[in-house]
Every structure is written in C-alpha cells, then in structure tokens.
C-alpha cells in the first residue's frame, strides 16, 4: 500500500513525490524512480513523524501498519499497488524436521496444514476489517483502474527485469519462482 498526502490514482500522481520505500536496494528504489517519484529508504519507526511534518509525501507499508498506527489522522489516500504482496512464511529446517522422527514429523506437518487453512481465511477477513476501520476513520482505500494498473505493472516490471538481468543468480532464482507460479496458479 502507498499512503500519500496527495492521493495516487494515476501514474502521473507519483511524479515529484518523496516516498518512503522499505529498503535501499535497486529492487525497492528503481521502480519508483521510473514512475517519477523520489524514493528513500527509512526505518518504519521514522515514517509517522516524517509524514506528520511532511518531510516525506508518502510511504510504502502494509495496510495493517497504516491502520494500527492510525495514519488516517495524517493522510487519507491509501492506494493498493498492483501485485504488491506482503508475504509471511513459516519455515522449518529440513534437518530439524527429520530429527523429530517420522511420527512427530507427521504430526507437525499435519498441524501446519491445519494452521495454513485457518490463516488464509483469517487474512482475508482481517483485510476486510482493516479496510472498514480505515474508511470508518475518514481514510480512502484506492484501487487503480485496470488500465492504470496495467501501465503501472508494465513500467515497474520492466525495471525489475533490468535489475535481475544484471545478476545471473538473482535472474535464475526469479525465473524459477515464475515457473513455480505458472505451474501452481
């Protein structure tokens, strides 16, 4: 999500805005430069005061963050950025799992699958709750039109491909993820 003092509804709205991004690497910075914004990396703890005193014009973070810290008191326009995701993964070391033995490993895997179905449903419900609270406090949740979203993805995707092409291992990893996505969608 992008929260900004001047709501973003078109690609032109990015131009000239100083936007906090989540990291300083080219993957975070270059897409926003391509859109005409001035991206800067900033710790999350500094974002609220920077938004309050207008040191920055906008910030990238999860919807839950903006809602929990009541950013609707600072800015109202919160834009969904197409195909931007916050991924929370639960990972366990394979060697550790094998050390449990077959019976305990099966139990852990079974419980993990149960938790996955609860978590996926909870996430959708939580997002609806967050949006309702955001809008109830005067905030606006903006979804770009399909045409604008397509243009956004075209510009941002082109930058991502250029960045990845400079690092053979990153490109290989990215291609593997794309293949997995196509296989399981």
C-alpha atoms as a PDB file:
ATOM      1  CA  UNK A   1       0.000   0.000   0.000  1.00  0.00           C
ATOM      2  CA  UNK A   2       1.055   3.565  -0.656  1.00  0.00           C
ATOM      3  CA  UNK A   3      -0.163   6.220   1.735  1.00  0.00           C
ATOM      4  CA  UNK A   4       0.311   9.753   0.475  1.00  0.00           C
ATOM      5  CA  UNK A   5      -0.800  13.282   1.245  1.00  0.00           C
ATOM      6  CA  UNK A   6      -1.664  13.700  -2.431  1.00  0.00           C
ATOM      7  CA  UNK A   7      -3.630  10.552  -3.255  1.00  0.00           C
ATOM      8  CA  UNK A   8      -2.279   8.391  -6.069  1.00  0.00           C
ATOM      9  CA  UNK A   9      -4.923   7.497  -8.654  1.00  0.00           C
ATOM     10  CA  UNK A  10      -2.781   7.611 -11.808  1.00  0.00           C
ATOM     11  CA  UNK A  11       0.869   7.141 -12.739  1.00  0.00           C
ATOM     12  CA  UNK A  12       1.223  10.903 -13.077  1.00  0.00           C
ATOM     13  CA  UNK A  13       0.385  11.248  -9.378  1.00  0.00           C
ATOM     14  CA  UNK A  14       3.710   9.561  -8.471  1.00  0.00           C
ATOM     15  CA  UNK A  15       5.718  12.339 -10.098  1.00  0.00           C
ATOM     16  CA  UNK A  16       7.646  14.526  -7.690  1.00  0.00           C
ATOM     17  CA  UNK A  17       6.526  12.738  -4.534  1.00  0.00           C
ATOM     18  CA  UNK A  18       9.113  11.810  -1.898  1.00  0.00           C
ATOM     19  CA  UNK A  19       8.098   8.258  -0.996  1.00  0.00           C
ATOM     20  CA  UNK A  20       9.470   6.067   1.755  1.00  0.00           C
ATOM     21  CA  UNK A  21      10.310   2.608   0.426  1.00  0.00           C
ATOM     22  CA  UNK A  22      11.058  -0.442   2.540  1.00  0.00           C
ATOM     23  CA  UNK A  23      14.723  -0.777   1.577  1.00  0.00           C
ATOM     24  CA  UNK A  24      17.586   0.911  -0.227  1.00  0.00           C
ATOM     25  CA  UNK A  25      18.291  -1.768  -2.835  1.00  0.00           C
ATOM     26  CA  UNK A  26      17.528  -1.168  -6.517  1.00  0.00           C
ATOM     27  CA  UNK A  27      14.538  -3.559  -6.326  1.00  0.00           C
ATOM     28  CA  UNK A  28      12.812  -1.141  -3.937  1.00  0.00           C
ATOM     29  CA  UNK A  29      14.103   2.155  -5.285  1.00  0.00           C
ATOM     30  CA  UNK A  30      14.246   1.923  -9.085  1.00  0.00           C
ATOM     31  CA  UNK A  31      10.563   1.152  -9.778  1.00  0.00           C
ATOM     32  CA  UNK A  32       9.543   4.378  -8.034  1.00  0.00           C
ATOM     33  CA  UNK A  33      12.241   6.369  -9.806  1.00  0.00           C
ATOM     34  CA  UNK A  34      10.845   5.042 -13.080  1.00  0.00           C
ATOM     35  CA  UNK A  35       7.437   6.388 -12.027  1.00  0.00           C
ATOM     36  CA  UNK A  36       8.926   9.837 -11.370  1.00  0.00           C
ATOM     37  CA  UNK A  37       8.959   9.673  -7.578  1.00  0.00           C
ATOM     38  CA  UNK A  38      11.911  10.270  -5.268  1.00  0.00           C
ATOM     39  CA  UNK A  39      12.189   7.059  -3.242  1.00  0.00           C
ATOM     40  CA  UNK A  40      14.104   6.938   0.013  1.00  0.00           C
ATOM     41  CA  UNK A  41      14.746   4.172   2.474  1.00  0.00           C
ATOM     42  CA  UNK A  42      13.629   4.917   6.008  1.00  0.00           C
ATOM     43  CA  UNK A  43      13.028   2.778   9.097  1.00  0.00           C
ATOM     44  CA  UNK A  44       9.348   2.246   9.848  1.00  0.00           C
ATOM     45  CA  UNK A  45       9.697   3.979  13.221  1.00  0.00           C
ATOM     46  CA  UNK A  46      10.603   7.242  11.489  1.00  0.00           C
ATOM     47  CA  UNK A  47       7.778   7.213   8.948  1.00  0.00           C
ATOM     48  CA  UNK A  48       4.926   8.594  11.060  1.00  0.00           C
ATOM     49  CA  UNK A  49       6.777  11.724  12.214  1.00  0.00           C
ATOM     50  CA  UNK A  50       8.141  12.231   8.686  1.00  0.00           C
ATOM     51  CA  UNK A  51       4.585  12.070   7.344  1.00  0.00           C
ATOM     52  CA  UNK A  52       3.330  14.401  10.090  1.00  0.00           C
ATOM     53  CA  UNK A  53       5.898  17.112   9.392  1.00  0.00           C
ATOM     54  CA  UNK A  54       5.766  16.466   5.623  1.00  0.00           C
ATOM     55  CA  UNK A  55       9.410  15.541   5.314  1.00  0.00           C
ATOM     56  CA  UNK A  56       8.069  12.843   3.007  1.00  0.00           C
ATOM     57  CA  UNK A  57       4.955  12.882   0.858  1.00  0.00           C
ATOM     58  CA  UNK A  58       4.111   9.218   1.130  1.00  0.00           C
ATOM     59  CA  UNK A  59       5.157   5.807   2.378  1.00  0.00           C
ATOM     60  CA  UNK A  60       5.012   2.158   1.382  1.00  0.00           C
ATOM     61  CA  UNK A  61       3.928  -0.313   4.061  1.00  0.00           C
ATOM     62  CA  UNK A  62       1.262  -2.920   4.769  1.00  0.00           C
ATOM     63  CA  UNK A  63      -2.361  -1.874   5.211  1.00  0.00           C
ATOM     64  CA  UNK A  64      -2.305  -3.263   8.760  1.00  0.00           C
ATOM     65  CA  UNK A  65       0.617  -0.976   9.686  1.00  0.00           C
ATOM     66  CA  UNK A  66      -1.120   2.172   8.472  1.00  0.00           C
ATOM     67  CA  UNK A  67      -4.317   1.198  10.248  1.00  0.00           C
ATOM     68  CA  UNK A  68      -2.743   0.078  13.542  1.00  0.00           C
ATOM     69  CA  UNK A  69      -0.739   3.292  13.891  1.00  0.00           C
ATOM     70  CA  UNK A  70      -3.714   5.454  12.888  1.00  0.00           C
ATOM     71  CA  UNK A  71      -2.079   7.046   9.869  1.00  0.00           C
ATOM     72  CA  UNK A  72      -5.587   8.111   8.812  1.00  0.00           C
ATOM     73  CA  UNK A  73      -5.016  11.035  11.188  1.00  0.00           C
ATOM     74  CA  UNK A  74      -2.122  12.173   8.949  1.00  0.00           C
ATOM     75  CA  UNK A  75      -3.193  11.353   5.377  1.00  0.00           C
ATOM     76  CA  UNK A  76      -6.320   9.867   3.849  1.00  0.00           C
ATOM     77  CA  UNK A  77      -5.387   8.423   0.431  1.00  0.00           C
ATOM     78  CA  UNK A  78      -4.157   4.831   0.620  1.00  0.00           C
ATOM     79  CA  UNK A  79      -3.535   3.189  -2.758  1.00  0.00           C
ATOM     80  CA  UNK A  80      -3.355  -0.535  -3.440  1.00  0.00           C
ATOM     81  CA  UNK A  81      -0.273  -1.126  -5.595  1.00  0.00           C
ATOM     82  CA  UNK A  82      -0.956  -3.899  -8.138  1.00  0.00           C
ATOM     83  CA  UNK A  83       0.727  -7.215  -7.460  1.00  0.00           C
ATOM     84  CA  UNK A  84       2.417  -5.982  -4.335  1.00  0.00           C
ATOM     85  CA  UNK A  85       2.331  -8.506  -1.566  1.00  0.00           C
ATOM     86  CA  UNK A  86       3.385  -8.874   2.000  1.00  0.00           C
ATOM     87  CA  UNK A  87       4.362 -12.490   2.454  1.00  0.00           C
ATOM     88  CA  UNK A  88       4.638 -14.061   5.872  1.00  0.00           C
ATOM     89  CA  UNK A  89       6.097 -17.534   5.750  1.00  0.00           C
ATOM     90  CA  UNK A  90       6.605 -20.160   8.373  1.00  0.00           C
ATOM     91  CA  UNK A  91       9.768 -22.103   7.676  1.00  0.00           C
ATOM     92  CA  UNK A  92      11.329 -25.059   9.418  1.00  0.00           C
ATOM     93  CA  UNK A  93      14.753 -26.540   8.797  1.00  0.00           C
ATOM     94  CA  UNK A  94      14.506 -29.848   6.936  1.00  0.00           C
ATOM     95  CA  UNK A  95      17.240 -31.403   9.116  1.00  0.00           C
ATOM     96  CA  UNK A  96      15.304 -30.403  12.246  1.00  0.00           C
ATOM     97  CA  UNK A  97      12.110 -31.962  10.893  1.00  0.00           C
ATOM     98  CA  UNK A  98      13.907 -35.249  10.204  1.00  0.00           C
ATOM     99  CA  UNK A  99      15.374 -35.183  13.716  1.00  0.00           C
ATOM    100  CA  UNK A 100      11.860 -35.394  15.140  1.00  0.00           C
ATOM    101  CA  UNK A 101      11.343 -38.870  13.789  1.00  0.00           C
ATOM    102  CA  UNK A 102       8.566 -39.982  11.449  1.00  0.00           C
ATOM    103  CA  UNK A 103       5.685 -39.868  13.937  1.00  0.00           C
ATOM    104  CA  UNK A 104       6.370 -36.393  15.348  1.00  0.00           C
ATOM    105  CA  UNK A 105       7.280 -35.023  11.902  1.00  0.00           C
ATOM    106  CA  UNK A 106       3.907 -36.215  10.566  1.00  0.00           C
ATOM    107  CA  UNK A 107       2.126 -34.525  13.485  1.00  0.00           C
ATOM    108  CA  UNK A 108       3.974 -31.220  12.933  1.00  0.00           C
ATOM    109  CA  UNK A 109       3.195 -31.278   9.213  1.00  0.00           C
ATOM    110  CA  UNK A 110      -0.477 -32.090   9.880  1.00  0.00           C
ATOM    111  CA  UNK A 111      -0.821 -29.214  12.373  1.00  0.00           C
ATOM    112  CA  UNK A 112       0.943 -26.853   9.946  1.00  0.00           C
ATOM    113  CA  UNK A 113      -1.559 -27.726   7.213  1.00  0.00           C
ATOM    114  CA  UNK A 114      -4.457 -27.087   9.607  1.00  0.00           C
ATOM    115  CA  UNK A 115      -2.995 -23.725  10.609  1.00  0.00           C
ATOM    116  CA  UNK A 116      -2.489 -22.796   6.947  1.00  0.00           C
ATOM    117  CA  UNK A 117      -6.199 -23.094   6.155  1.00  0.00           C
ATOM    118  CA  UNK A 118      -7.143 -21.035   9.236  1.00  0.00           C
ATOM    119  CA  UNK A 119      -4.507 -18.402   8.486  1.00  0.00           C
ATOM    120  CA  UNK A 120      -5.519 -17.977   4.827  1.00  0.00           C
ATOM    121  CA  UNK A 121      -9.152 -17.368   5.783  1.00  0.00           C
ATOM    122  CA  UNK A 122      -8.196 -15.121   8.683  1.00  0.00           C
ATOM    123  CA  UNK A 123      -6.054 -12.953   6.386  1.00  0.00           C
ATOM    124  CA  UNK A 124      -8.962 -12.195   4.056  1.00  0.00           C
ATOM    125  CA  UNK A 125     -11.300 -11.429   6.948  1.00  0.00           C
ATOM    126  CA  UNK A 126      -8.651  -9.280   8.625  1.00  0.00           C
ATOM    127  CA  UNK A 127      -8.112  -7.258   5.460  1.00  0.00           C
ATOM    128  CA  UNK A 128     -11.850  -6.521   5.289  1.00  0.00           C
ATOM    129  CA  UNK A 129     -11.841  -5.491   8.963  1.00  0.00           C
ATOM    130  CA  UNK A 130      -8.832  -3.214   8.413  1.00  0.00           C
ATOM    131  CA  UNK A 131     -10.402  -1.565   5.372  1.00  0.00           C
ATOM    132  CA  UNK A 132     -13.664  -0.977   7.233  1.00  0.00           C
ATOM    133  CA  UNK A 133     -11.779   0.635  10.120  1.00  0.00           C
ATOM    134  CA  UNK A 134      -9.652   2.747   7.762  1.00  0.00           C
ATOM    135  CA  UNK A 135     -12.691   4.064   5.917  1.00  0.00           C
ATOM    136  CA  UNK A 136     -14.634   4.494   9.169  1.00  0.00           C
ATOM    137  CA  UNK A 137     -11.916   6.899  10.291  1.00  0.00           C
ATOM    138  CA  UNK A 138     -12.129   9.013   7.158  1.00  0.00           C
ATOM    139  CA  UNK A 139      -9.480   7.224   5.126  1.00  0.00           C
ATOM    140  CA  UNK A 140      -9.904   6.234   1.496  1.00  0.00           C
ATOM    141  CA  UNK A 141      -8.755   2.879   0.084  1.00  0.00           C
ATOM    142  CA  UNK A 142      -7.974   3.486  -3.594  1.00  0.00           C
ATOM    143  CA  UNK A 143      -7.789   0.818  -6.274  1.00  0.00           C
ATOM    144  CA  UNK A 144      -6.219   1.873  -9.559  1.00  0.00           C
ATOM    145  CA  UNK A 145      -8.331   1.404 -12.672  1.00  0.00           C
ATOM    146  CA  UNK A 146      -7.430  -1.677 -14.746  1.00  0.00           C
ATOM    147  CA  UNK A 147      -5.794   0.474 -17.435  1.00  0.00           C
ATOM    148  CA  UNK A 148      -3.667   2.380 -14.895  1.00  0.00           C
ATOM    149  CA  UNK A 149      -2.783  -0.854 -13.065  1.00  0.00           C
ATOM    150  CA  UNK A 150      -1.611  -2.406 -16.352  1.00  0.00           C
ATOM    151  CA  UNK A 151       0.573   0.629 -17.113  1.00  0.00           C
ATOM    152  CA  UNK A 152       1.979   0.514 -13.584  1.00  0.00           C
ATOM    153  CA  UNK A 153       2.874  -3.171 -13.912  1.00  0.00           C
ATOM    154  CA  UNK A 154       4.418  -2.619 -17.340  1.00  0.00           C
ATOM    155  CA  UNK A 155       6.705   0.138 -16.063  1.00  0.00           C
ATOM    156  CA  UNK A 156       7.600  -1.491 -12.763  1.00  0.00           C
ATOM    157  CA  UNK A 157       8.016  -4.941 -14.321  1.00  0.00           C
ATOM    158  CA  UNK A 158      10.433  -3.589 -16.907  1.00  0.00           C
ATOM    159  CA  UNK A 159      12.641  -2.137 -14.188  1.00  0.00           C
ATOM    160  CA  UNK A 160      12.582  -5.396 -12.225  1.00  0.00           C
ATOM    161  CA  UNK A 161      13.672  -7.380 -15.289  1.00  0.00           C
ATOM    162  CA  UNK A 162      16.564  -4.958 -15.941  1.00  0.00           C
ATOM    163  CA  UNK A 163      17.765  -5.210 -12.352  1.00  0.00           C
ATOM    164  CA  UNK A 164      17.582  -9.004 -12.295  1.00  0.00           C
ATOM    165  CA  UNK A 165      19.352  -9.346 -15.632  1.00  0.00           C
ATOM    166  CA  UNK A 166      22.500  -7.842 -14.037  1.00  0.00           C
ATOM    167  CA  UNK A 167      22.777 -10.691 -11.523  1.00  0.00           C
ATOM    168  CA  UNK A 168      22.757 -14.211 -13.027  1.00  0.00           C
ATOM    169  CA  UNK A 169      21.847 -15.918  -9.726  1.00  0.00           C
ATOM    170  CA  UNK A 170      19.007 -13.498  -8.989  1.00  0.00           C
ATOM    171  CA  UNK A 171      17.708 -13.922 -12.543  1.00  0.00           C
ATOM    172  CA  UNK A 172      17.840 -17.721 -12.219  1.00  0.00           C
ATOM    173  CA  UNK A 173      16.002 -17.599  -8.884  1.00  0.00           C
ATOM    174  CA  UNK A 174      13.385 -15.236 -10.309  1.00  0.00           C
ATOM    175  CA  UNK A 175      12.817 -17.481 -13.324  1.00  0.00           C
ATOM    176  CA  UNK A 176      12.384 -20.475 -11.001  1.00  0.00           C
ATOM    177  CA  UNK A 177       9.768 -18.558  -8.990  1.00  0.00           C
ATOM    178  CA  UNK A 178       7.952 -17.546 -12.199  1.00  0.00           C
ATOM    179  CA  UNK A 179       7.889 -21.178 -13.366  1.00  0.00           C
ATOM    180  CA  UNK A 180       6.500 -22.307  -9.998  1.00  0.00           C
ATOM    181  CA  UNK A 181       3.853 -19.571 -10.097  1.00  0.00           C
ATOM    182  CA  UNK A 182       2.715 -20.629 -13.574  1.00  0.00           C
ATOM    183  CA  UNK A 183       2.617 -24.284 -12.515  1.00  0.00           C
ATOM    184  CA  UNK A 184       0.512 -23.722  -9.401  1.00  0.00           C
ATOM    185  CA  UNK A 185      -1.825 -20.896 -10.414  1.00  0.00           C
END
